[in-house]
Amino acid sequence: MTSNKKTQTSRPAGRSAPRSTPRNASRPKLVVRNATPKDMTAIRALTAKVYAALGSAGAYSMAQLRGHQHHFPEGQFVAVYEDAIVGYCATFRIGGNVALKPHDWVGITGRGYAARHDPEGDHLYGMEICVDPDYRGLRIGQRLYNARKQLCQHLRLKGIVFGGRMPGLSRRWNQVRTPDRYVELARNGELRDQVISFQLRNGFEPIGVLPDYLTSDHESRGFATHMLWRNPQVGEEDHVAASPRLRPQSSVRVACVQYQQRAISSFADFARQVEYFVDSVADYKADFVLFPELFTLQLLSIENKPAPAAEAIAALTSYTDRIRSLLSELAVSYNINIIGGSHPTRDADGHVYNICYVCLRDGAVHEQRKIHPTPNERYWWNITGGDTMNAIETDCGPIGVMICYDAEFPELARHLTDQGAQILFVPFCTDERQSYLRVRYCGQARAVENQCYVALAGNVGNLPNVENMDIQYAQSCVLTPCDFPFARDGIAADTTPNVEMVSIADLQLDSLANARQGGTVQNLKDRRFDLYSVTWKDSLPT
């Protein structure tokens, strides 16, 4: 009785609600509420169970679920039975000029990320409803449909649209021959389809058939019923307001530290230099401070002796715990979110990763591994590439981190933007101008392609006794999309090349939203999901 993105599998009879409950016994509690980021692991496990026949491709990835939360949190619901998540419902807003025309599931949902969410859309799109097969009989699907309708009416949208399954079509194909005939017979009550019949009872009307909606739905032969529920409280001519902003601020102040590498004699010296910059930008009420990639290489000057590159990097990994603690303590003490450049870190298996520690002012610590080590990093330093790229929720909205070379791969920025990131931080470390310009130009391209802000911070100065780290070139900056709401030349802030200094910029998140919805160009809205997509491999958690 659900409209799902993937093929439903046959299910056991399952558990049903108790017929009666002893007077003194506590009744099982079933509630429907908004989903939160803390629910994502359980939601993923639920979708993996429901779509087990499709293997690892059946479950929503954590990145997709982050996209749901970041793009339209009020549109995501879970059904909770005795503290277990047994149902999930995902929606987003979209214009009727898109949703009421022919489309497929991948294109309309932005590959399942809800990336097509339009805060000014006049319809609610139902991209997913799934129910744990062990909890039949509790009318969970009905409750989730009701939650959708209530949200639609609360936002005063014109209606709800989705592509509904027709699981009996393949079995009756020789009888009906066309999906349109199948829908007509179901609508007239001449045959019963468990999904279509349920949706008709809930006031939805079929307005057509969507071919090739979801090719993996073999029971429906890839077709879907184009379903519409019209909000009785809103007429066709009524004005539909945009969703109110949920975040507490629309202006975010970002500081980029152009950090000078100089000899030090102890970790305390390093900590004092880092704290100096954190303290300085905190006085300017910055929300974020960005340090460069591998700025912790300064610690190698404590020993003040030449060492082979791989040996030097291995020695640097011994500082990881102190680095992480220092940055986290400073973030909390100075009430600022610290994007901690990057630091070589050895894992339990002996691999060394180049990791950015993101320390938030609420005490949370996240990490982002560099996905693409450069050829020199692989050869000289034995750096291993990471395999996850996750947007990070902060008090200023979701952000992403791409370490230096990663900014030169457009797929990564698009993956972060699909998850809802609005500011991308790029800590970098380059030795000369050509290397730097590769990162800079690619950062500008990522800002235009994804209609987001991109902040860069690099090292200056020299460390003569560190192989492959002899010289530095940097011009740190904050880049914007190139359109009328933003700074001239797409540069919100800049620095003087090769001089230790800080650049600070105030970034207007509302300007991003306006550009994405009505800018001179609308790169995110105008993507051709029917022609191309970025697919990120994601394995189930163990």
Protein backbone atom coordinates (compact mmCIF):
# COMPACT_ATOMS: atom_id res chain seq x y z
CA MET A 1 0.00 0.00 0.00
CA THR A 2 2.91 2.28 -0.53
CA SER A 3 4.36 4.24 -3.40
CA ASN A 4 8.02 3.40 -3.40
CA LYS A 5 11.12 4.14 -5.45
CA LYS A 6 12.06 0.48 -5.81
CA THR A 7 10.42 -2.87 -6.31
CA GLN A 8 8.47 -4.16 -3.34
CA THR A 9 9.26 -7.73 -2.38
CA SER A 10 6.87 -10.36 -1.10
CA ARG A 11 6.52 -10.19 2.64
CA PRO A 12 5.56 -12.46 5.51
CA ALA A 13 2.22 -11.93 7.15
CA GLY A 14 4.06 -10.01 9.82
CA ARG A 15 2.91 -8.54 13.08
CA SER A 16 -0.48 -6.95 13.55
CA ALA A 17 -1.82 -4.64 16.22
CA PRO A 18 -3.18 -6.41 19.31
CA ARG A 19 -6.96 -6.85 19.38
CA SER A 20 -7.20 -6.07 23.05
CA THR A 21 -4.94 -5.00 25.86
CA PRO A 22 -5.27 -5.89 29.54
CA ARG A 23 -6.49 -2.91 31.52
CA ASN A 24 -3.33 -2.60 33.59
CA ALA A 25 -0.90 -3.24 30.75
CA SER A 26 0.77 -0.36 28.94
CA ARG A 27 -0.30 -0.03 25.32
CA PRO A 28 2.36 -0.16 22.61
CA LYS A 29 3.00 3.33 21.34
CA LEU A 30 3.04 4.17 17.64
CA VAL A 31 3.82 7.76 16.67
CA VAL A 32 4.62 9.58 13.45
CA ARG A 33 7.08 12.45 13.77
CA ASN A 34 9.61 14.39 11.74
CA ALA A 35 12.79 12.47 11.02
CA THR A 36 16.03 13.85 12.47
CA PRO A 37 19.71 13.30 11.60
CA LYS A 38 19.92 10.85 14.51
CA ASP A 39 17.40 8.60 12.73
CA MET A 40 19.43 8.19 9.56
CA THR A 41 21.19 4.94 10.50
CA ALA A 42 17.87 3.31 11.43
CA ILE A 43 16.18 4.64 8.28
CA ARG A 44 18.95 3.21 6.16
CA ALA A 45 18.61 -0.16 7.86
CA LEU A 46 14.84 -0.05 7.27
CA THR A 47 15.21 0.66 3.54
CA ALA A 48 17.83 -2.08 3.26
CA LYS A 49 15.34 -4.52 4.79
CA VAL A 50 12.39 -3.41 2.67
CA TYR A 51 14.41 -3.51 -0.56
CA ALA A 52 16.59 -6.50 0.31
CA ALA A 53 15.90 -8.09 -3.07
CA LEU A 54 17.90 -5.30 -4.71
CA GLY A 55 20.98 -5.89 -2.54
CA SER A 56 23.16 -2.95 -1.52
CA ALA A 57 21.59 -0.81 -4.24
CA GLY A 58 18.23 -1.06 -2.49
CA ALA A 59 18.97 1.00 0.58
CA TYR A 60 19.22 4.76 0.62
CA SER A 61 22.80 5.81 1.25
CA MET A 62 23.68 7.97 4.23
CA ALA A 63 24.57 10.72 1.76
CA GLN A 64 21.09 10.59 0.23
CA LEU A 65 19.49 10.71 3.67
CA ARG A 66 21.64 13.71 4.55
CA GLY A 67 20.29 15.32 1.38
CA HIS A 68 16.71 14.72 2.56
CA GLN A 69 17.48 16.30 5.93
CA HIS A 70 19.41 19.27 4.62
CA HIS A 71 17.17 20.19 1.72
CA PHE A 72 13.74 19.87 3.38
CA PRO A 73 13.82 18.58 6.96
CA GLU A 74 10.16 19.33 7.66
CA GLY A 75 9.20 17.01 4.79
CA GLN A 76 10.73 13.82 6.23
CA PHE A 77 8.72 11.56 8.59
CA VAL A 78 9.28 8.36 10.51
CA ALA A 79 6.82 6.01 12.14
CA VAL A 80 8.12 4.81 15.51
CA TYR A 81 6.68 1.73 17.21
CA GLU A 82 7.98 0.92 20.69
CA ASP A 83 11.15 2.95 20.01
CA ALA A 84 11.84 1.20 16.67
CA ILE A 85 11.59 3.03 13.33
CA VAL A 86 9.16 0.95 11.27
CA GLY A 87 8.20 3.42 8.54
CA TYR A 88 9.77 6.24 6.53
CA CYS A 89 8.27 8.93 4.33
CA ALA A 90 10.35 11.38 2.26
CA THR A 91 9.02 14.43 0.42
CA PHE A 92 10.21 17.68 -1.11
CA ARG A 93 8.68 20.77 -2.68
CA ILE A 94 8.61 21.24 -6.43
CA GLY A 95 6.74 23.31 -8.99
CA GLY A 96 3.71 21.87 -10.72
CA ASN A 97 5.23 22.92 -14.04
CA VAL A 98 7.79 20.15 -13.43
CA ALA A 99 5.94 17.56 -11.36
CA LEU A 100 2.77 17.49 -13.47
CA LYS A 101 4.72 16.78 -16.65
CA PRO A 102 6.19 13.39 -17.65
CA HIS A 103 9.27 12.50 -15.60
CA ASP A 104 11.12 9.59 -14.03
CA TRP A 105 12.12 8.91 -10.44
CA VAL A 106 15.85 9.53 -10.86
CA GLY A 107 15.36 12.88 -12.59
CA ILE A 108 12.60 14.27 -10.40
CA THR A 109 14.33 13.38 -7.12
CA GLY A 110 17.86 14.31 -8.16
CA ARG A 111 19.01 10.66 -7.89
CA GLY A 112 17.28 10.20 -4.57
CA TYR A 113 18.92 13.16 -2.80
CA ALA A 114 15.82 15.42 -2.95
CA ALA A 115 18.23 17.73 -4.78
CA ARG A 116 15.38 19.14 -6.90
CA HIS A 117 13.75 20.65 -3.80
CA ASP A 118 12.37 24.09 -4.61
CA PRO A 119 11.55 26.23 -1.54
CA GLU A 120 8.98 28.05 -3.70
CA GLY A 121 7.47 24.93 -5.25
CA ASP A 122 3.69 24.79 -5.15
CA HIS A 123 3.38 21.00 -4.88
CA LEU A 124 4.69 18.38 -2.48
CA TYR A 125 6.41 15.45 -4.18
CA GLY A 126 6.20 12.05 -2.53
CA MET A 127 9.53 10.42 -3.30
CA GLU A 128 9.37 7.56 -0.80
CA ILE A 129 7.15 5.67 1.59
CA CYS A 130 8.29 2.35 2.99
CA VAL A 131 7.06 0.22 5.89
CA ASP A 132 8.79 -2.58 7.77
CA PRO A 133 7.16 -5.82 6.47
CA ASP A 134 7.11 -7.22 10.01
CA TYR A 135 4.67 -4.52 11.15
CA ARG A 136 1.70 -4.98 8.88
CA GLY A 137 -1.73 -4.32 10.30
CA LEU A 138 -0.79 -1.12 12.14
CA ARG A 139 -1.90 1.18 9.29
CA ILE A 140 1.52 2.76 9.18
CA GLY A 141 1.23 3.62 5.50
CA GLN A 142 -2.06 5.41 6.17
CA ARG A 143 -0.50 7.43 8.97
CA LEU A 144 2.39 8.49 6.76
CA TYR A 145 0.01 9.53 3.98
CA ASN A 146 -1.90 11.59 6.54
CA ALA A 147 1.33 13.28 7.63
CA ARG A 148 2.00 14.25 4.00
CA LYS A 149 -1.47 15.73 3.63
CA GLN A 150 -1.15 17.69 6.87
CA LEU A 151 2.18 19.12 5.74
CA CYS A 152 0.73 20.04 2.35
CA GLN A 153 -2.16 21.86 4.01
CA HIS A 154 0.06 23.52 6.60
CA LEU A 155 2.26 24.95 3.84
CA ARG A 156 -0.82 25.76 1.75
CA LEU A 157 0.51 23.93 -1.27
CA LYS A 158 -1.71 23.06 -4.20
CA GLY A 159 -1.33 19.32 -3.88
CA ILE A 160 0.76 16.17 -3.63
CA VAL A 161 2.25 14.42 -6.67
CA PHE A 162 4.14 11.17 -7.10
CA GLY A 163 4.65 8.18 -9.34
CA GLY A 164 2.77 5.26 -7.80
CA ARG A 165 3.52 1.60 -8.33
CA MET A 166 1.15 -0.80 -10.10
CA PRO A 167 2.48 -4.15 -8.82
CA GLY A 168 -0.22 -6.25 -10.49
CA LEU A 169 0.51 -4.99 -14.00
CA SER A 170 3.08 -7.59 -15.00
CA ARG A 171 0.88 -10.44 -13.78
CA ARG A 172 -2.15 -9.13 -15.72
CA TRP A 173 -0.28 -7.89 -18.79
CA ASN A 174 -1.81 -10.44 -21.16
CA GLN A 175 -5.24 -9.31 -19.97
CA VAL A 176 -4.81 -5.52 -20.16
CA ARG A 177 -1.93 -5.09 -22.67
CA THR A 178 -1.32 -1.44 -21.72
CA PRO A 179 -0.65 0.35 -18.41
CA ASP A 180 -3.31 2.95 -19.23
CA ARG A 181 -5.94 0.21 -19.54
CA TYR A 182 -4.77 -1.30 -16.24
CA VAL A 183 -5.13 2.03 -14.43
CA GLU A 184 -8.55 2.61 -15.99
CA LEU A 185 -9.84 -0.77 -14.81
CA ALA A 186 -8.43 -0.19 -11.32
CA ARG A 187 -10.03 3.25 -11.20
CA ASN A 188 -13.40 1.84 -12.20
CA GLY A 189 -13.17 -0.91 -9.60
CA GLU A 190 -13.01 -3.68 -12.23
CA LEU A 191 -9.72 -4.95 -10.86
CA ARG A 192 -7.93 -4.48 -7.57
CA ASP A 193 -4.34 -3.29 -7.31
CA GLN A 194 -3.13 -3.08 -3.71
CA VAL A 195 -1.28 0.20 -4.33
CA ILE A 196 -3.61 2.00 -6.75
CA SER A 197 -6.72 1.00 -4.78
CA PHE A 198 -5.17 2.28 -1.55
CA GLN A 199 -4.25 5.59 -3.15
CA LEU A 200 -7.72 6.03 -4.67
CA ARG A 201 -9.25 5.51 -1.22
CA ASN A 202 -6.96 8.28 0.04
CA GLY A 203 -8.30 10.80 -2.45
CA PHE A 204 -5.55 10.58 -5.07
CA GLU A 205 -6.50 10.64 -8.72
CA PRO A 206 -4.49 9.19 -11.61
CA ILE A 207 -3.67 11.90 -14.15
CA GLY A 208 -1.67 9.67 -16.48
CA VAL A 209 0.98 6.98 -16.73
CA LEU A 210 4.73 7.62 -16.46
CA PRO A 211 6.79 5.31 -18.72
CA ASP A 212 10.28 4.26 -17.63
CA TYR A 213 9.65 5.77 -14.21
CA LEU A 214 11.69 3.16 -12.39
CA THR A 215 13.18 0.42 -14.53
CA SER A 216 14.00 -1.77 -11.52
CA ASP A 217 10.27 -2.11 -10.70
CA HIS A 218 9.66 -5.22 -12.77
CA GLU A 219 6.21 -5.90 -11.28
CA SER A 220 5.12 -2.53 -12.71
CA ARG A 221 7.12 -3.12 -15.91
CA GLY A 222 8.89 0.17 -15.18
CA PHE A 223 5.64 2.16 -15.39
CA ALA A 224 4.11 4.31 -12.65
CA THR A 225 0.71 5.84 -12.10
CA HIS A 226 1.00 9.63 -12.16
CA MET A 227 -0.95 10.42 -8.99
CA LEU A 228 -2.24 13.78 -7.75
CA TRP A 229 -4.00 14.82 -4.55
CA ARG A 230 -5.51 18.30 -4.77
CA ASN A 231 -5.46 20.31 -1.56
CA PRO A 232 -9.11 21.27 -0.95
CA GLN A 233 -8.01 24.29 1.09
CA VAL A 234 -6.06 25.90 -1.77
CA GLY A 235 -7.38 26.97 -5.16
CA GLU A 236 -5.50 27.05 -8.44
CA GLU A 237 -5.10 30.83 -8.25
CA ASP A 238 -3.91 30.99 -4.63
CA HIS A 239 -0.42 32.31 -3.99
CA VAL A 240 1.94 29.76 -2.49
CA ALA A 241 4.56 31.19 -0.13
CA ALA A 242 8.12 29.96 0.08
CA SER A 243 9.10 27.74 3.00
CA PRO A 244 10.37 29.81 5.94
CA ARG A 245 14.06 29.60 6.72
CA LEU A 246 14.77 27.10 9.46
CA ARG A 247 18.33 28.22 10.17
CA PRO A 248 18.91 30.95 12.73
CA GLN A 249 21.01 33.18 10.47
CA SER A 250 21.31 34.04 6.80
CA SER A 251 24.73 35.72 7.03
CA VAL A 252 27.82 33.66 7.78
CA ARG A 253 31.25 35.18 8.49
CA VAL A 254 34.18 33.12 7.20
CA ALA A 255 37.88 33.73 7.94
CA CYS A 256 40.71 32.13 5.95
CA VAL A 257 44.15 31.98 7.56
CA GLN A 258 47.11 32.31 5.20
CA TYR A 259 49.46 30.52 7.56
CA GLN A 260 53.22 31.05 7.56
CA GLN A 261 55.42 28.02 8.07
CA ARG A 262 58.23 28.94 10.48
CA ALA A 263 60.52 27.03 12.79
CA ILE A 264 59.23 26.29 16.30
CA SER A 265 60.79 24.59 19.30
CA SER A 266 57.80 22.83 20.89
CA PHE A 267 54.17 21.82 20.45
CA ALA A 268 53.29 24.67 22.80
CA ASP A 269 54.76 27.11 20.26
CA PHE A 270 52.54 25.62 17.56
CA ALA A 271 49.48 25.78 19.83
CA ARG A 272 50.15 29.46 20.63
CA GLN A 273 50.35 30.34 16.95
CA VAL A 274 47.11 28.51 16.14
CA GLU A 275 45.34 30.06 19.14
CA TYR A 276 46.52 33.52 18.08
CA PHE A 277 44.63 33.24 14.80
CA VAL A 278 41.55 31.65 16.37
CA ASP A 279 41.44 34.38 19.01
CA SER A 280 41.89 37.12 16.39
CA VAL A 281 39.09 36.03 14.08
CA ALA A 282 36.82 35.20 17.02
CA ASP A 283 37.12 38.86 18.03
CA TYR A 284 35.66 39.65 14.61
CA LYS A 285 32.73 37.32 15.39
CA ALA A 286 33.66 34.85 12.64
CA ASP A 287 31.51 31.72 12.40
CA PHE A 288 34.24 29.68 10.67
CA VAL A 289 38.02 29.80 10.54
CA LEU A 290 39.82 27.80 7.85
CA PHE A 291 43.44 26.67 8.20
CA PRO A 292 45.57 25.31 5.31
CA GLU A 293 46.26 21.76 4.28
CA LEU A 294 49.21 20.18 6.15
CA PHE A 295 49.81 23.29 8.25
CA THR A 296 50.85 20.90 11.01
CA LEU A 297 54.06 20.09 9.09
CA GLN A 298 55.46 22.98 11.08
CA LEU A 299 55.79 20.49 13.94
CA LEU A 300 58.64 18.76 12.10
CA SER A 301 60.87 21.77 12.78
CA ILE A 302 60.89 20.83 16.48
CA GLU A 303 63.45 18.09 15.81
CA ASN A 304 65.21 20.36 13.27
CA LYS A 305 66.83 17.54 11.31
CA PRO A 306 66.46 16.29 7.75
CA ALA A 307 64.47 13.07 7.33
CA PRO A 308 63.18 11.05 4.41
CA ALA A 309 59.70 12.19 3.37
CA ALA A 310 57.84 9.03 4.41
CA GLU A 311 59.67 8.94 7.75
CA ALA A 312 58.82 12.58 8.45
CA ILE A 313 55.12 12.06 7.73
CA ALA A 314 55.07 8.93 9.88
CA ALA A 315 56.59 10.92 12.76
CA LEU A 316 53.95 13.59 12.33
CA THR A 317 51.13 11.09 12.90
CA SER A 318 52.16 10.85 16.57
CA TYR A 319 50.69 14.33 17.10
CA THR A 320 47.18 13.42 15.93
CA ASP A 321 45.49 13.20 19.34
CA ARG A 322 47.02 16.48 20.50
CA ILE A 323 46.02 18.23 17.26
CA ARG A 324 42.44 17.05 17.52
CA SER A 325 42.18 18.02 21.20
CA LEU A 326 43.74 21.44 20.59
CA LEU A 327 41.37 22.35 17.78
CA SER A 328 38.29 21.07 19.59
CA GLU A 329 39.15 22.95 22.80
CA LEU A 330 39.77 26.16 20.87
CA ALA A 331 36.49 25.80 18.95
CA VAL A 332 34.50 25.55 22.18
CA SER A 333 36.50 28.17 24.09
CA TYR A 334 36.31 30.80 21.36
CA ASN A 335 32.82 29.88 20.12
CA ILE A 336 33.90 29.32 16.53
CA ASN A 337 33.80 26.45 14.05
CA ILE A 338 37.33 25.40 13.08
CA ILE A 339 38.10 23.78 9.72
CA GLY A 340 41.42 22.31 10.78
CA GLY A 341 43.31 22.29 7.49
CA SER A 342 44.63 18.74 7.34
CA HIS A 343 46.94 16.48 9.29
CA PRO A 344 48.50 13.08 8.43
CA THR A 345 46.83 10.40 10.53
CA ARG A 346 47.60 6.68 10.80
CA ASP A 347 44.68 4.28 11.20
CA ALA A 348 44.61 0.94 13.02
CA ASP A 349 45.67 -0.90 9.85
CA GLY A 350 48.77 1.24 9.42
CA HIS A 351 47.51 3.35 6.53
CA VAL A 352 48.25 7.07 6.59
CA TYR A 353 45.45 9.42 5.55
CA ASN A 354 45.47 13.18 5.01
CA ILE A 355 42.57 14.23 7.24
CA CYS A 356 40.81 17.52 7.90
CA TYR A 357 39.41 17.68 11.43
CA VAL A 358 36.30 19.85 11.56
CA CYS A 359 35.80 20.96 15.17
CA LEU A 360 32.48 22.65 15.85
CA ARG A 361 31.78 25.11 18.62
CA ASP A 362 29.28 22.72 20.22
CA GLY A 363 32.14 20.25 20.85
CA ALA A 364 31.40 17.89 17.95
CA VAL A 365 34.40 16.70 15.92
CA HIS A 366 34.07 15.47 12.33
CA GLU A 367 36.71 14.35 9.88
CA GLN A 368 37.09 14.43 6.11
CA ARG A 369 39.80 12.35 4.47
CA LYS A 370 41.44 13.55 1.30
CA ILE A 371 40.01 11.44 -1.50
CA HIS A 372 42.71 12.05 -4.10
CA PRO A 373 46.31 12.16 -2.85
CA THR A 374 48.54 13.77 -5.45
CA PRO A 375 51.15 11.60 -7.23
CA ASN A 376 53.85 13.11 -4.98
CA GLU A 377 51.84 12.42 -1.82
CA ARG A 378 51.40 8.81 -2.84
CA TYR A 379 55.01 8.31 -3.89
CA TRP A 380 56.93 10.26 -1.24
CA TRP A 381 54.58 10.16 1.75
CA ASN A 382 52.62 6.91 1.23
CA ILE A 383 49.32 8.75 1.68
CA THR A 384 46.20 6.61 1.13
CA GLY A 385 43.04 8.11 -0.35
CA GLY A 386 39.78 8.13 1.59
CA ASP A 387 36.47 6.85 0.24
CA THR A 388 33.72 9.00 1.82
CA MET A 389 32.69 12.58 1.13
CA ASN A 390 30.03 13.76 3.55
CA ALA A 391 28.32 17.08 4.13
CA ILE A 392 28.66 18.20 7.75
CA GLU A 393 25.77 19.82 9.62
CA THR A 394 26.75 22.97 11.53
CA ASP A 395 24.87 25.72 13.31
CA CYS A 396 25.23 27.75 10.07
CA GLY A 397 23.90 25.02 7.81
CA PRO A 398 25.56 22.10 6.01
CA ILE A 399 29.12 22.52 4.71
CA GLY A 400 31.63 20.40 2.83
CA VAL A 401 35.42 20.03 2.82
CA MET A 402 37.57 19.24 -0.22
CA ILE A 403 41.29 19.03 0.53
CA CYS A 404 43.39 20.72 -2.18
CA TYR A 405 43.57 18.28 -5.13
CA ASP A 406 40.01 17.12 -4.38
CA ALA A 407 38.74 20.52 -5.56
CA GLU A 408 39.96 19.63 -9.04
CA PHE A 409 37.36 16.85 -9.33
CA PRO A 410 33.89 18.35 -9.98
CA GLU A 411 32.10 15.14 -8.97
CA LEU A 412 33.04 15.67 -5.31
CA ALA A 413 31.61 19.17 -5.08
CA ARG A 414 28.41 18.05 -6.78
CA HIS A 415 28.11 15.16 -4.34
CA LEU A 416 28.43 17.57 -1.40
CA THR A 417 25.94 20.01 -2.93
CA ASP A 418 23.45 17.20 -3.49
CA GLN A 419 23.69 16.58 0.26
CA GLY A 420 22.82 20.24 0.89
CA ALA A 421 26.24 21.87 1.39
CA GLN A 422 26.23 25.63 0.74
CA ILE A 423 29.82 26.48 1.67
CA LEU A 424 32.75 24.36 0.50
CA PHE A 425 36.05 24.73 2.37
CA VAL A 426 39.28 23.97 0.49
CA PRO A 427 42.44 23.84 2.62
CA PHE A 428 45.37 23.63 0.21
CA CYS A 429 49.15 23.37 0.11
CA THR A 430 50.91 24.34 -3.13
CA ASP A 431 54.53 25.05 -3.86
CA GLU A 432 54.36 27.47 -6.79
CA ARG A 433 51.93 29.66 -8.72
CA GLN A 434 50.87 27.16 -11.39
CA SER A 435 49.94 24.59 -8.76
CA TYR A 436 48.04 27.23 -6.81
CA LEU A 437 46.11 28.44 -9.87
CA ARG A 438 44.88 24.92 -10.59
CA VAL A 439 43.24 24.88 -7.18
CA ARG A 440 41.98 28.46 -7.45
CA TYR A 441 40.45 28.15 -10.90
CA CYS A 442 38.82 24.85 -10.00
CA GLY A 443 37.46 26.41 -6.80
CA GLN A 444 35.89 29.19 -8.85
CA ALA A 445 34.40 26.63 -11.23
CA ARG A 446 32.92 24.66 -8.34
CA ALA A 447 31.30 27.88 -7.03
CA VAL A 448 29.68 28.55 -10.41
CA GLU A 449 28.65 24.95 -11.12
CA ASN A 450 27.04 24.42 -7.73
CA GLN A 451 25.95 28.00 -6.96
CA CYS A 452 27.74 27.85 -3.64
CA TYR A 453 30.55 29.63 -1.78
CA VAL A 454 34.09 28.21 -1.85
CA ALA A 455 36.75 29.26 0.71
CA LEU A 456 40.46 28.53 0.18
CA ALA A 457 43.36 28.80 2.66
CA GLY A 458 47.02 27.96 2.00
CA ASN A 459 50.49 28.00 3.53
CA VAL A 460 53.28 30.52 2.96
CA GLY A 461 56.89 30.48 4.17
CA ASN A 462 59.38 27.62 4.00
CA LEU A 463 60.46 24.51 5.89
CA PRO A 464 63.93 23.76 4.49
CA ASN A 465 64.42 20.46 6.31
CA VAL A 466 61.19 18.82 5.15
CA GLU A 467 61.53 17.01 1.84
CA ASN A 468 58.83 17.82 -0.74
CA MET A 469 57.76 20.79 1.43
CA ASP A 470 60.57 23.18 0.57
CA ILE A 471 58.65 26.20 -0.74
CA GLN A 472 55.09 27.52 -0.53
CA TYR A 473 52.83 29.68 -2.68
CA ALA A 474 49.37 30.82 -1.61
CA GLN A 475 46.77 33.48 -2.16
CA SER A 476 43.86 32.56 0.08
CA CYS A 477 40.39 33.74 -0.88
CA VAL A 478 36.62 33.33 -0.66
CA LEU A 479 34.91 32.74 -4.01
CA THR A 480 31.28 33.19 -5.03
CA PRO A 481 29.06 32.30 -7.98
CA CYS A 482 29.41 34.84 -10.77
CA ASP A 483 26.03 36.52 -10.80
CA PHE A 484 24.47 39.84 -9.80
CA PRO A 485 23.81 39.15 -6.09
CA PHE A 486 27.50 38.47 -5.46
CA ALA A 487 30.80 40.33 -5.38
CA ARG A 488 32.36 41.61 -8.56
CA ASP A 489 34.59 39.03 -10.30
CA GLY A 490 33.18 36.30 -8.03
CA ILE A 491 35.63 37.13 -5.22
CA ALA A 492 34.22 37.94 -1.79
CA ALA A 493 37.66 38.25 -0.14
CA ASP A 494 41.27 37.93 -1.21
CA THR A 495 44.79 38.11 0.24
CA THR A 496 48.18 39.33 -0.89
CA PRO A 497 50.18 36.38 -2.29
CA ASN A 498 52.80 34.83 0.00
CA VAL A 499 52.16 37.11 2.99
CA GLU A 500 50.88 35.81 6.32
CA MET A 501 47.43 37.34 6.77
CA VAL A 502 43.72 36.63 7.20
CA SER A 503 40.87 37.23 4.77
CA ILE A 504 37.33 37.66 6.12
CA ALA A 505 34.05 37.66 4.21
CA ASP A 506 30.37 37.82 5.11
CA LEU A 507 28.46 35.29 3.02
CA GLN A 508 24.72 35.69 2.47
CA LEU A 509 22.99 32.32 2.31
CA ASP A 510 19.80 34.00 1.14
CA SER A 511 21.67 35.19 -1.94
CA LEU A 512 22.52 31.60 -2.76
CA ALA A 513 18.88 30.57 -2.43
CA ASN A 514 17.78 33.46 -4.65
CA ALA A 515 20.40 32.67 -7.28
CA ARG A 516 19.47 29.00 -7.33
CA GLN A 517 15.79 29.81 -7.82
CA GLY A 518 15.94 32.88 -10.06
CA GLY A 519 19.50 33.72 -11.05
CA THR A 520 20.72 34.66 -14.51
CA VAL A 521 21.75 31.03 -14.80
CA GLN A 522 20.39 28.23 -12.60
CA ASN A 523 22.97 25.47 -12.81
CA LEU A 524 21.44 23.21 -10.18
CA LYS A 525 17.88 23.41 -11.50
CA ASP A 526 18.92 23.05 -15.13
CA ARG A 527 20.85 19.80 -14.75
CA ARG A 528 19.85 17.11 -17.27
CA PHE A 529 19.26 14.11 -15.06
CA ASP A 530 17.89 12.35 -18.12
CA LEU A 531 21.35 12.48 -19.72
CA TYR A 532 23.95 12.28 -16.96
CA SER A 533 24.42 11.84 -13.24
CA VAL A 534 27.09 11.37 -10.59
CA THR A 535 26.75 8.04 -8.80
CA TRP A 536 28.54 7.61 -5.50
CA LYS A 537 29.29 4.08 -4.32
CA ASP A 538 28.18 3.55 -0.77
CA SER A 539 28.33 0.35 1.28
CA LEU A 540 26.07 -0.62 4.12
CA PRO A 541 27.47 -0.05 7.61
CA THR A 542 28.67 -3.14 9.41
